[in-house]
Amino acid sequence: MRKKTMAGSGRSIGLLVITIVVAAVSGSVISFFLSGIFPAGPVKDFFFKALEFGVRTVVLNLGFATLSFGLSFAITFFTIMLVLLGIYLWYRF
């Protein structure tokens, strides 16, 4: 059986990035909607509590305008699962 190479398979890194972003957003949306169904408890905390991290907001006051820069992520169980599924499907097909 011949092994697929990255150059010959037609896959691109751009498609991988798009796949990861779409999977992450989809996982967050699914997590948001399903969190209302589950009762409070350890199961809900495991599946729907987000791990949040990022860079604090930096404010740049230019006198005539104020710019704010910051980046934060909130990752849930479904976000991780869908990103892994997206990477697997990208690699497989």
PDB file of N, CA and C in Angstrom:
ATOM      1  N   MET A   1       0.833  -1.176   0.000  1.00  0.00           N
ATOM      2  CA  MET A   1       0.000   0.000   0.000  1.00  0.00           C
ATOM      3  C   MET A   1       0.881   1.244   0.000  1.00  0.00           C
ATOM      4  N   ARG A   2       0.570   2.181  -0.866  1.00  0.00           N
ATOM      5  CA  ARG A   2       1.355   3.391  -0.984  1.00  0.00           C
ATOM      6  C   ARG A   2       0.955   4.418   0.058  1.00  0.00           C
ATOM      7  N   LYS A   3       1.929   5.028   0.650  1.00  0.00           N
ATOM      8  CA  LYS A   3       1.667   6.047   1.661  1.00  0.00           C
ATOM      9  C   LYS A   3       1.439   7.393   0.981  1.00  0.00           C
ATOM     10  N   LYS A   4       0.412   8.100   1.438  1.00  0.00           N
ATOM     11  CA  LYS A   4       0.132   9.418   0.881  1.00  0.00           C
ATOM     12  C   LYS A   4       1.146  10.424   1.401  1.00  0.00           C
ATOM     13  N   THR A   5       1.605  11.271   0.513  1.00  0.00           N
ATOM     14  CA  THR A   5       2.481  12.352   0.941  1.00  0.00           C
ATOM     15  C   THR A   5       1.697  13.649   0.921  1.00  0.00           C
ATOM     16  N   MET A   6       2.183  14.606   1.652  1.00  0.00           N
ATOM     17  CA  MET A   6       1.474  15.871   1.744  1.00  0.00           C
ATOM     18  C   MET A   6       1.431  16.585   0.397  1.00  0.00           C
ATOM     19  N   ALA A   7       2.505  16.504  -0.362  1.00  0.00           N
ATOM     20  CA  ALA A   7       2.562  17.212  -1.636  1.00  0.00           C
ATOM     21  C   ALA A   7       1.624  16.589  -2.666  1.00  0.00           C
ATOM     22  N   GLY A   8       1.471  15.285  -2.641  1.00  0.00           N
ATOM     23  CA  GLY A   8       0.666  14.625  -3.649  1.00  0.00           C
ATOM     24  C   GLY A   8      -0.788  14.450  -3.286  1.00  0.00           C
ATOM     25  N   SER A   9      -1.169  14.781  -2.082  1.00  0.00           N
ATOM     26  CA  SER A   9      -2.532  14.503  -1.653  1.00  0.00           C
ATOM     27  C   SER A   9      -3.502  15.632  -1.965  1.00  0.00           C
ATOM     28  N   GLY A  10      -3.019  16.812  -2.282  1.00  0.00           N
ATOM     29  CA  GLY A  10      -3.901  17.924  -2.584  1.00  0.00           C
ATOM     30  C   GLY A  10      -4.370  18.668  -1.344  1.00  0.00           C
ATOM     31  N   ARG A  11      -3.890  18.290  -0.181  1.00  0.00           N
ATOM     32  CA  ARG A  11      -4.272  18.975   1.055  1.00  0.00           C
ATOM     33  C   ARG A  11      -3.404  20.205   1.242  1.00  0.00           C
ATOM     34  N   SER A  12      -3.992  21.209   1.815  1.00  0.00           N
ATOM     35  CA  SER A  12      -3.223  22.427   2.058  1.00  0.00           C
ATOM     36  C   SER A  12      -3.319  22.818   3.528  1.00  0.00           C
ATOM     37  N   ILE A  13      -2.348  23.570   3.963  1.00  0.00           N
ATOM     38  CA  ILE A  13      -2.333  24.057   5.336  1.00  0.00           C
ATOM     39  C   ILE A  13      -3.468  25.062   5.546  1.00  0.00           C
ATOM     40  N   GLY A  14      -3.790  25.823   4.524  1.00  0.00           N
ATOM     41  CA  GLY A  14      -4.904  26.769   4.621  1.00  0.00           C
ATOM     42  C   GLY A  14      -6.219  26.070   4.910  1.00  0.00           C
ATOM     43  N   LEU A  15      -6.431  24.934   4.258  1.00  0.00           N
ATOM     44  CA  LEU A  15      -7.641  24.159   4.510  1.00  0.00           C
ATOM     45  C   LEU A  15      -7.649  23.613   5.929  1.00  0.00           C
ATOM     46  N   LEU A  16      -6.493  23.235   6.440  1.00  0.00           N
ATOM     47  CA  LEU A  16      -6.400  22.760   7.820  1.00  0.00           C
ATOM     48  C   LEU A  16      -6.758  23.869   8.803  1.00  0.00           C
ATOM     49  N   VAL A  17      -6.261  25.072   8.569  1.00  0.00           N
ATOM     50  CA  VAL A  17      -6.566  26.199   9.451  1.00  0.00           C
ATOM     51  C   VAL A  17      -8.057  26.511   9.429  1.00  0.00           C
ATOM     52  N   ILE A  18      -8.653  26.521   8.247  1.00  0.00           N
ATOM     53  CA  ILE A  18     -10.097  26.760   8.132  1.00  0.00           C
ATOM     54  C   ILE A  18     -10.873  25.663   8.840  1.00  0.00           C
ATOM     55  N   THR A  19     -10.445  24.415   8.690  1.00  0.00           N
ATOM     56  CA  THR A  19     -11.103  23.289   9.353  1.00  0.00           C
ATOM     57  C   THR A  19     -11.045  23.439  10.865  1.00  0.00           C
ATOM     58  N   ILE A  20      -9.898  23.814  11.396  1.00  0.00           N
ATOM     59  CA  ILE A  20      -9.754  23.978  12.846  1.00  0.00           C
ATOM     60  C   ILE A  20     -10.631  25.118  13.355  1.00  0.00           C
ATOM     61  N   VAL A  21     -10.661  26.238  12.647  1.00  0.00           N
ATOM     62  CA  VAL A  21     -11.474  27.380  13.082  1.00  0.00           C
ATOM     63  C   VAL A  21     -12.959  27.038  13.045  1.00  0.00           C
ATOM     64  N   VAL A  22     -13.418  26.417  11.960  1.00  0.00           N
ATOM     65  CA  VAL A  22     -14.831  26.039  11.857  1.00  0.00           C
ATOM     66  C   VAL A  22     -15.195  25.014  12.921  1.00  0.00           C
ATOM     67  N   ALA A  23     -14.323  24.049  13.163  1.00  0.00           N
ATOM     68  CA  ALA A  23     -14.585  23.036  14.190  1.00  0.00           C
ATOM     69  C   ALA A  23     -14.626  23.660  15.579  1.00  0.00           C
ATOM     70  N   ALA A  24     -13.738  24.595  15.865  1.00  0.00           N
ATOM     71  CA  ALA A  24     -13.720  25.241  17.181  1.00  0.00           C
ATOM     72  C   ALA A  24     -14.975  26.077  17.408  1.00  0.00           C
ATOM     73  N   VAL A  25     -15.386  26.831  16.402  1.00  0.00           N
ATOM     74  CA  VAL A  25     -16.603  27.635  16.534  1.00  0.00           C
ATOM     75  C   VAL A  25     -17.822  26.729  16.671  1.00  0.00           C
ATOM     76  N   SER A  26     -17.878  25.669  15.876  1.00  0.00           N
ATOM     77  CA  SER A  26     -18.998  24.727  15.966  1.00  0.00           C
ATOM     78  C   SER A  26     -19.053  24.058  17.332  1.00  0.00           C
ATOM     79  N   GLY A  27     -17.909  23.671  17.864  1.00  0.00           N
ATOM     80  CA  GLY A  27     -17.865  23.062  19.190  1.00  0.00           C
ATOM     81  C   GLY A  27     -18.343  24.007  20.269  1.00  0.00           C
ATOM     82  N   SER A  28     -17.982  25.274  20.165  1.00  0.00           N
ATOM     83  CA  SER A  28     -18.438  26.264  21.141  1.00  0.00           C
ATOM     84  C   SER A  28     -19.941  26.489  21.047  1.00  0.00           C
ATOM     85  N   VAL A  29     -20.471  26.538  19.833  1.00  0.00           N
ATOM     86  CA  VAL A  29     -21.913  26.723  19.649  1.00  0.00           C
ATOM     87  C   VAL A  29     -22.682  25.522  20.183  1.00  0.00           C
ATOM     88  N   ILE A  30     -22.226  24.320  19.866  1.00  0.00           N
ATOM     89  CA  ILE A  30     -22.880  23.106  20.375  1.00  0.00           C
ATOM     90  C   ILE A  30     -22.830  23.084  21.895  1.00  0.00           C
ATOM     91  N   SER A  31     -21.702  23.424  22.459  1.00  0.00           N
ATOM     92  CA  SER A  31     -21.555  23.448  23.913  1.00  0.00           C
ATOM     93  C   SER A  31     -22.497  24.472  24.542  1.00  0.00           C
ATOM     94  N   PHE A  32     -22.625  25.632  23.926  1.00  0.00           N
ATOM     95  CA  PHE A  32     -23.505  26.675  24.448  1.00  0.00           C
ATOM     96  C   PHE A  32     -24.959  26.215  24.468  1.00  0.00           C
ATOM     97  N   PHE A  33     -25.421  25.610  23.378  1.00  0.00           N
ATOM     98  CA  PHE A  33     -26.819  25.196  23.307  1.00  0.00           C
ATOM     99  C   PHE A  33     -27.114  23.974  24.170  1.00  0.00           C
ATOM    100  N   LEU A  34     -26.193  23.035  24.245  1.00  0.00           N
ATOM    101  CA  LEU A  34     -26.432  21.838  25.050  1.00  0.00           C
ATOM    102  C   LEU A  34     -26.299  22.087  26.549  1.00  0.00           C
ATOM    103  N   SER A  35     -25.608  23.145  26.937  1.00  0.00           N
ATOM    104  CA  SER A  35     -25.415  23.400  28.368  1.00  0.00           C
ATOM    105  C   SER A  35     -26.725  23.721  29.074  1.00  0.00           C
ATOM    106  N   GLY A  36     -27.714  24.207  28.355  1.00  0.00           N
ATOM    107  CA  GLY A  36     -29.012  24.499  28.957  1.00  0.00           C
ATOM    108  C   GLY A  36     -29.832  23.260  29.244  1.00  0.00           C
ATOM    109  N   ILE A  37     -29.499  22.139  28.625  1.00  0.00           N
ATOM    110  CA  ILE A  37     -30.266  20.905  28.789  1.00  0.00           C
ATOM    111  C   ILE A  37     -29.861  20.156  30.051  1.00  0.00           C
ATOM    112  N   PHE A  38     -28.579  20.165  30.376  1.00  0.00           N
ATOM    113  CA  PHE A  38     -28.064  19.372  31.488  1.00  0.00           C
ATOM    114  C   PHE A  38     -28.328  20.051  32.827  1.00  0.00           C
ATOM    115  N   PRO A  39     -28.674  19.276  33.844  1.00  0.00           N
ATOM    116  CA  PRO A  39     -28.817  19.860  35.186  1.00  0.00           C
ATOM    117  C   PRO A  39     -27.442  20.159  35.786  1.00  0.00           C
ATOM    118  N   ALA A  40     -27.427  21.029  36.777  1.00  0.00           N
ATOM    119  CA  ALA A  40     -26.161  21.386  37.424  1.00  0.00           C
ATOM    120  C   ALA A  40     -25.561  20.173  38.112  1.00  0.00           C
ATOM    121  N   GLY A  41     -24.262  20.041  38.016  1.00  0.00           N
ATOM    122  CA  GLY A  41     -23.572  18.924  38.645  1.00  0.00           C
ATOM    123  C   GLY A  41     -22.218  18.697  38.013  1.00  0.00           C
ATOM    124  N   PRO A  42     -21.544  17.620  38.415  1.00  0.00           N
ATOM    125  CA  PRO A  42     -20.191  17.367  37.907  1.00  0.00           C
ATOM    126  C   PRO A  42     -20.150  17.035  36.415  1.00  0.00           C
ATOM    127  N   VAL A  43     -21.198  16.403  35.894  1.00  0.00           N
ATOM    128  CA  VAL A  43     -21.219  16.073  34.458  1.00  0.00           C
ATOM    129  C   VAL A  43     -21.287  17.351  33.633  1.00  0.00           C
ATOM    130  N   LYS A  44     -22.136  18.266  34.051  1.00  0.00           N
ATOM    131  CA  LYS A  44     -22.245  19.537  33.333  1.00  0.00           C
ATOM    132  C   LYS A  44     -20.935  20.314  33.425  1.00  0.00           C
ATOM    133  N   ASP A  45     -20.314  20.299  34.604  1.00  0.00           N
ATOM    134  CA  ASP A  45     -19.039  21.000  34.755  1.00  0.00           C
ATOM    135  C   ASP A  45     -17.971  20.415  33.840  1.00  0.00           C
ATOM    136  N   PHE A  46     -17.928  19.095  33.710  1.00  0.00           N
ATOM    137  CA  PHE A  46     -16.911  18.460  32.869  1.00  0.00           C
ATOM    138  C   PHE A  46     -17.099  18.808  31.398  1.00  0.00           C
ATOM    139  N   PHE A  47     -18.326  18.708  30.907  1.00  0.00           N
ATOM    140  CA  PHE A  47     -18.567  18.904  29.480  1.00  0.00           C
ATOM    141  C   PHE A  47     -18.667  20.371  29.069  1.00  0.00           C
ATOM    142  N   PHE A  48     -19.124  21.234  29.962  1.00  0.00           N
ATOM    143  CA  PHE A  48     -19.480  22.583  29.528  1.00  0.00           C
ATOM    144  C   PHE A  48     -18.713  23.712  30.201  1.00  0.00           C
ATOM    145  N   LYS A  49     -17.925  23.442  31.219  1.00  0.00           N
ATOM    146  CA  LYS A  49     -17.142  24.509  31.832  1.00  0.00           C
ATOM    147  C   LYS A  49     -15.939  24.796  30.940  1.00  0.00           C
ATOM    148  N   ALA A  50     -15.782  26.050  30.589  1.00  0.00           N
ATOM    149  CA  ALA A  50     -14.730  26.439  29.648  1.00  0.00           C
ATOM    150  C   ALA A  50     -13.421  26.722  30.373  1.00  0.00           C
ATOM    151  N   LEU A  51     -12.355  26.270  29.767  1.00  0.00           N
ATOM    152  CA  LEU A  51     -11.010  26.620  30.212  1.00  0.00           C
ATOM    153  C   LEU A  51     -10.647  27.913  29.488  1.00  0.00           C
ATOM    154  N   GLU A  52     -10.503  28.983  30.248  1.00  0.00           N
ATOM    155  CA  GLU A  52     -10.271  30.291  29.646  1.00  0.00           C
ATOM    156  C   GLU A  52      -8.833  30.745  29.881  1.00  0.00           C
ATOM    157  N   PHE A  53      -8.217  31.214  28.818  1.00  0.00           N
ATOM    158  CA  PHE A  53      -6.875  31.771  28.912  1.00  0.00           C
ATOM    159  C   PHE A  53      -6.680  32.772  27.785  1.00  0.00           C
ATOM    160  N   GLY A  54      -5.697  33.617  27.939  1.00  0.00           N
ATOM    161  CA  GLY A  54      -5.446  34.607  26.904  1.00  0.00           C
ATOM    162  C   GLY A  54      -4.517  35.702  27.372  1.00  0.00           C
ATOM    163  N   VAL A  55      -4.481  36.756  26.596  1.00  0.00           N
ATOM    164  CA  VAL A  55      -3.644  37.917  26.870  1.00  0.00           C
ATOM    165  C   VAL A  55      -4.562  39.042  27.348  1.00  0.00           C
ATOM    166  N   ARG A  56      -4.171  39.695  28.431  1.00  0.00           N
ATOM    167  CA  ARG A  56      -4.983  40.796  28.938  1.00  0.00           C
ATOM    168  C   ARG A  56      -5.068  41.916  27.911  1.00  0.00           C
ATOM    169  N   THR A  57      -6.118  42.703  28.034  1.00  0.00           N
ATOM    170  CA  THR A  57      -6.333  43.811  27.120  1.00  0.00           C
ATOM    171  C   THR A  57      -5.288  44.899  27.349  1.00  0.00           C
ATOM    172  N   VAL A  58      -4.705  45.351  26.261  1.00  0.00           N
ATOM    173  CA  VAL A  58      -3.736  46.445  26.292  1.00  0.00           C
ATOM    174  C   VAL A  58      -4.398  47.640  25.620  1.00  0.00           C
ATOM    175  N   VAL A  59      -4.408  48.769  26.307  1.00  0.00           N
ATOM    176  CA  VAL A  59      -5.044  49.978  25.785  1.00  0.00           C
ATOM    177  C   VAL A  59      -3.959  50.950  25.338  1.00  0.00           C
ATOM    178  N   LEU A  60      -4.105  51.432  24.119  1.00  0.00           N
ATOM    179  CA  LEU A  60      -3.169  52.401  23.555  1.00  0.00           C
ATOM    180  C   LEU A  60      -3.933  53.696  23.293  1.00  0.00           C
ATOM    181  N   ASN A  61      -3.634  54.720  24.085  1.00  0.00           N
ATOM    182  CA  ASN A  61      -4.304  56.008  23.948  1.00  0.00           C
ATOM    183  C   ASN A  61      -3.445  56.907  23.065  1.00  0.00           C
ATOM    184  N   LEU A  62      -3.961  57.236  21.902  1.00  0.00           N
ATOM    185  CA  LEU A  62      -3.229  58.069  20.946  1.00  0.00           C
ATOM    186  C   LEU A  62      -3.628  59.536  21.019  1.00  0.00           C
ATOM    187  N   GLY A  63      -4.495  59.876  21.936  1.00  0.00           N
ATOM    188  CA  GLY A  63      -4.958  61.258  22.059  1.00  0.00           C
ATOM    189  C   GLY A  63      -6.232  61.483  21.277  1.00  0.00           C
ATOM    190  N   PHE A  64      -6.219  61.206  19.996  1.00  0.00           N
ATOM    191  CA  PHE A  64      -7.409  61.371  19.169  1.00  0.00           C
ATOM    192  C   PHE A  64      -8.197  60.073  19.029  1.00  0.00           C
ATOM    193  N   ALA A  65      -7.587  58.956  19.413  1.00  0.00           N
ATOM    194  CA  ALA A  65      -8.259  57.652  19.344  1.00  0.00           C
ATOM    195  C   ALA A  65      -7.655  56.734  20.404  1.00  0.00           C
ATOM    196  N   THR A  66      -8.451  55.809  20.845  1.00  0.00           N
ATOM    197  CA  THR A  66      -7.992  54.816  21.811  1.00  0.00           C
ATOM    198  C   THR A  66      -8.147  53.439  21.190  1.00  0.00           C
ATOM    199  N   LEU A  67      -7.067  52.681  21.166  1.00  0.00           N
ATOM    200  CA  LEU A  67      -7.085  51.337  20.607  1.00  0.00           C
ATOM    201  C   LEU A  67      -6.946  50.320  21.732  1.00  0.00           C
ATOM    202  N   SER A  68      -7.714  49.247  21.639  1.00  0.00           N
ATOM    203  CA  SER A  68      -7.632  48.166  22.620  1.00  0.00           C
ATOM    204  C   SER A  68      -7.259  46.883  21.900  1.00  0.00           C
ATOM    205  N   PHE A  69      -6.274  46.187  22.434  1.00  0.00           N
ATOM    206  CA  PHE A  69      -5.827  44.924  21.862  1.00  0.00           C
ATOM    207  C   PHE A  69      -5.901  43.848  22.937  1.00  0.00           C
ATOM    208  N   GLY A  70      -6.383  42.683  22.563  1.00  0.00           N
ATOM    209  CA  GLY A  70      -6.438  41.562  23.497  1.00  0.00           C
ATOM    210  C   GLY A  70      -6.871  40.303  22.766  1.00  0.00           C
ATOM    211  N   LEU A  71      -6.616  39.179  23.381  1.00  0.00           N
ATOM    212  CA  LEU A  71      -6.976  37.899  22.787  1.00  0.00           C
ATOM    213  C   LEU A  71      -7.273  36.925  23.910  1.00  0.00           C
ATOM    214  N   SER A  72      -8.405  36.247  23.808  1.00  0.00           N
ATOM    215  CA  SER A  72      -8.730  35.243  24.824  1.00  0.00           C
ATOM    216  C   SER A  72      -9.418  34.057  24.160  1.00  0.00           C
ATOM    217  N   PHE A  73      -9.254  32.904  24.765  1.00  0.00           N
ATOM    218  CA  PHE A  73      -9.849  31.669  24.286  1.00  0.00           C
ATOM    219  C   PHE A  73     -10.667  31.049  25.408  1.00  0.00           C
ATOM    220  N   ALA A  74     -11.782  30.437  25.050  1.00  0.00           N
ATOM    221  CA  ALA A  74     -12.593  29.667  25.992  1.00  0.00           C
ATOM    222  C   ALA A  74     -12.818  28.303  25.345  1.00  0.00           C
ATOM    223  N   ILE A  75     -12.155  27.287  25.865  1.00  0.00           N
ATOM    224  CA  ILE A  75     -12.172  25.962  25.250  1.00  0.00           C
ATOM    225  C   ILE A  75     -12.986  25.012  26.113  1.00  0.00           C
ATOM    226  N   THR A  76     -13.941  24.316  25.476  1.00  0.00           N
ATOM    227  CA  THR A  76     -14.756  23.324  26.165  1.00  0.00           C
ATOM    228  C   THR A  76     -14.436  21.934  25.620  1.00  0.00           C
ATOM    229  N   PHE A  77     -15.043  20.935  26.221  1.00  0.00           N
ATOM    230  CA  PHE A  77     -14.857  19.546  25.802  1.00  0.00           C
ATOM    231  C   PHE A  77     -15.262  19.359  24.340  1.00  0.00           C
ATOM    232  N   PHE A  78     -16.414  19.925  23.958  1.00  0.00           N
ATOM    233  CA  PHE A  78     -16.890  19.764  22.585  1.00  0.00           C
ATOM    234  C   PHE A  78     -15.994  20.492  21.586  1.00  0.00           C
ATOM    235  N   THR A  79     -15.396  21.591  21.983  1.00  0.00           N
ATOM    236  CA  THR A  79     -14.449  22.284  21.115  1.00  0.00           C
ATOM    237  C   THR A  79     -13.259  21.389  20.805  1.00  0.00           C
ATOM    238  N   ILE A  80     -12.710  20.762  21.834  1.00  0.00           N
ATOM    239  CA  ILE A  80     -11.561  19.871  21.644  1.00  0.00           C
ATOM    240  C   ILE A  80     -11.938  18.677  20.778  1.00  0.00           C
ATOM    241  N   MET A  81     -13.093  18.078  21.046  1.00  0.00           N
ATOM    242  CA  MET A  81     -13.513  16.896  20.287  1.00  0.00           C
ATOM    243  C   MET A  81     -13.720  17.223  18.807  1.00  0.00           C
ATOM    244  N   LEU A  82     -14.362  18.339  18.516  1.00  0.00           N
ATOM    245  CA  LEU A  82     -14.602  18.681  17.114  1.00  0.00           C
ATOM    246  C   LEU A  82     -13.320  19.108  16.398  1.00  0.00           C
ATOM    247  N   VAL A  83     -12.407  19.750  17.092  1.00  0.00           N
ATOM    248  CA  VAL A  83     -11.121  20.093  16.469  1.00  0.00           C
ATOM    249  C   VAL A  83     -10.345  18.823  16.144  1.00  0.00           C
ATOM    250  N   LEU A  84     -10.312  17.874  17.077  1.00  0.00           N
ATOM    251  CA  LEU A  84      -9.630  16.600  16.807  1.00  0.00           C
ATOM    252  C   LEU A  84     -10.295  15.845  15.659  1.00  0.00           C
ATOM    253  N   LEU A  85     -11.625  15.864  15.609  1.00  0.00           N
ATOM    254  CA  LEU A  85     -12.342  15.219  14.502  1.00  0.00           C
ATOM    255  C   LEU A  85     -12.018  15.906  13.174  1.00  0.00           C
ATOM    256  N   GLY A  86     -11.974  17.229  13.175  1.00  0.00           N
ATOM    257  CA  GLY A  86     -11.631  17.966  11.959  1.00  0.00           C
ATOM    258  C   GLY A  86     -10.228  17.664  11.468  1.00  0.00           C
ATOM    259  N   ILE A  87      -9.268  17.592  12.391  1.00  0.00           N
ATOM    260  CA  ILE A  87      -7.891  17.257  12.012  1.00  0.00           C
ATOM    261  C   ILE A  87      -7.818  15.841  11.463  1.00  0.00           C
ATOM    262  N   TYR A  88      -8.525  14.916  12.099  1.00  0.00           N
ATOM    263  CA  TYR A  88      -8.541  13.530  11.618  1.00  0.00           C
ATOM    264  C   TYR A  88      -9.135  13.450  10.212  1.00  0.00           C
ATOM    265  N   LEU A  89     -10.260  14.125   9.989  1.00  0.00           N
ATOM    266  CA  LEU A  89     -10.887  14.086   8.665  1.00  0.00           C
ATOM    267  C   LEU A  89     -10.008  14.759   7.618  1.00  0.00           C
ATOM    268  N   TRP A  90      -9.326  15.842   7.984  1.00  0.00           N
ATOM    269  CA  TRP A  90      -8.421  16.496   7.042  1.00  0.00           C
ATOM    270  C   TRP A  90      -7.283  15.555   6.669  1.00  0.00           C
ATOM    271  N   TYR A  91      -6.739  14.868   7.669  1.00  0.00           N
ATOM    272  CA  TYR A  91      -5.628  13.952   7.417  1.00  0.00           C
ATOM    273  C   TYR A  91      -6.088  12.738   6.623  1.00  0.00           C
ATOM    274  N   ARG A  92      -7.257  12.222   6.947  1.00  0.00           N
ATOM    275  CA  ARG A  92      -7.757  10.990   6.325  1.00  0.00           C
ATOM    276  C   ARG A  92      -8.174  11.206   4.870  1.00  0.00           C
ATOM    277  N   PHE A  93      -8.810  12.315   4.576  1.00  0.00           N
ATOM    278  CA  PHE A  93      -9.326  12.538   3.228  1.00  0.00           C
ATOM    279  C   PHE A  93      -8.572  13.668   2.578  1.00  0.00           C
TER     280      PHE A  93
END
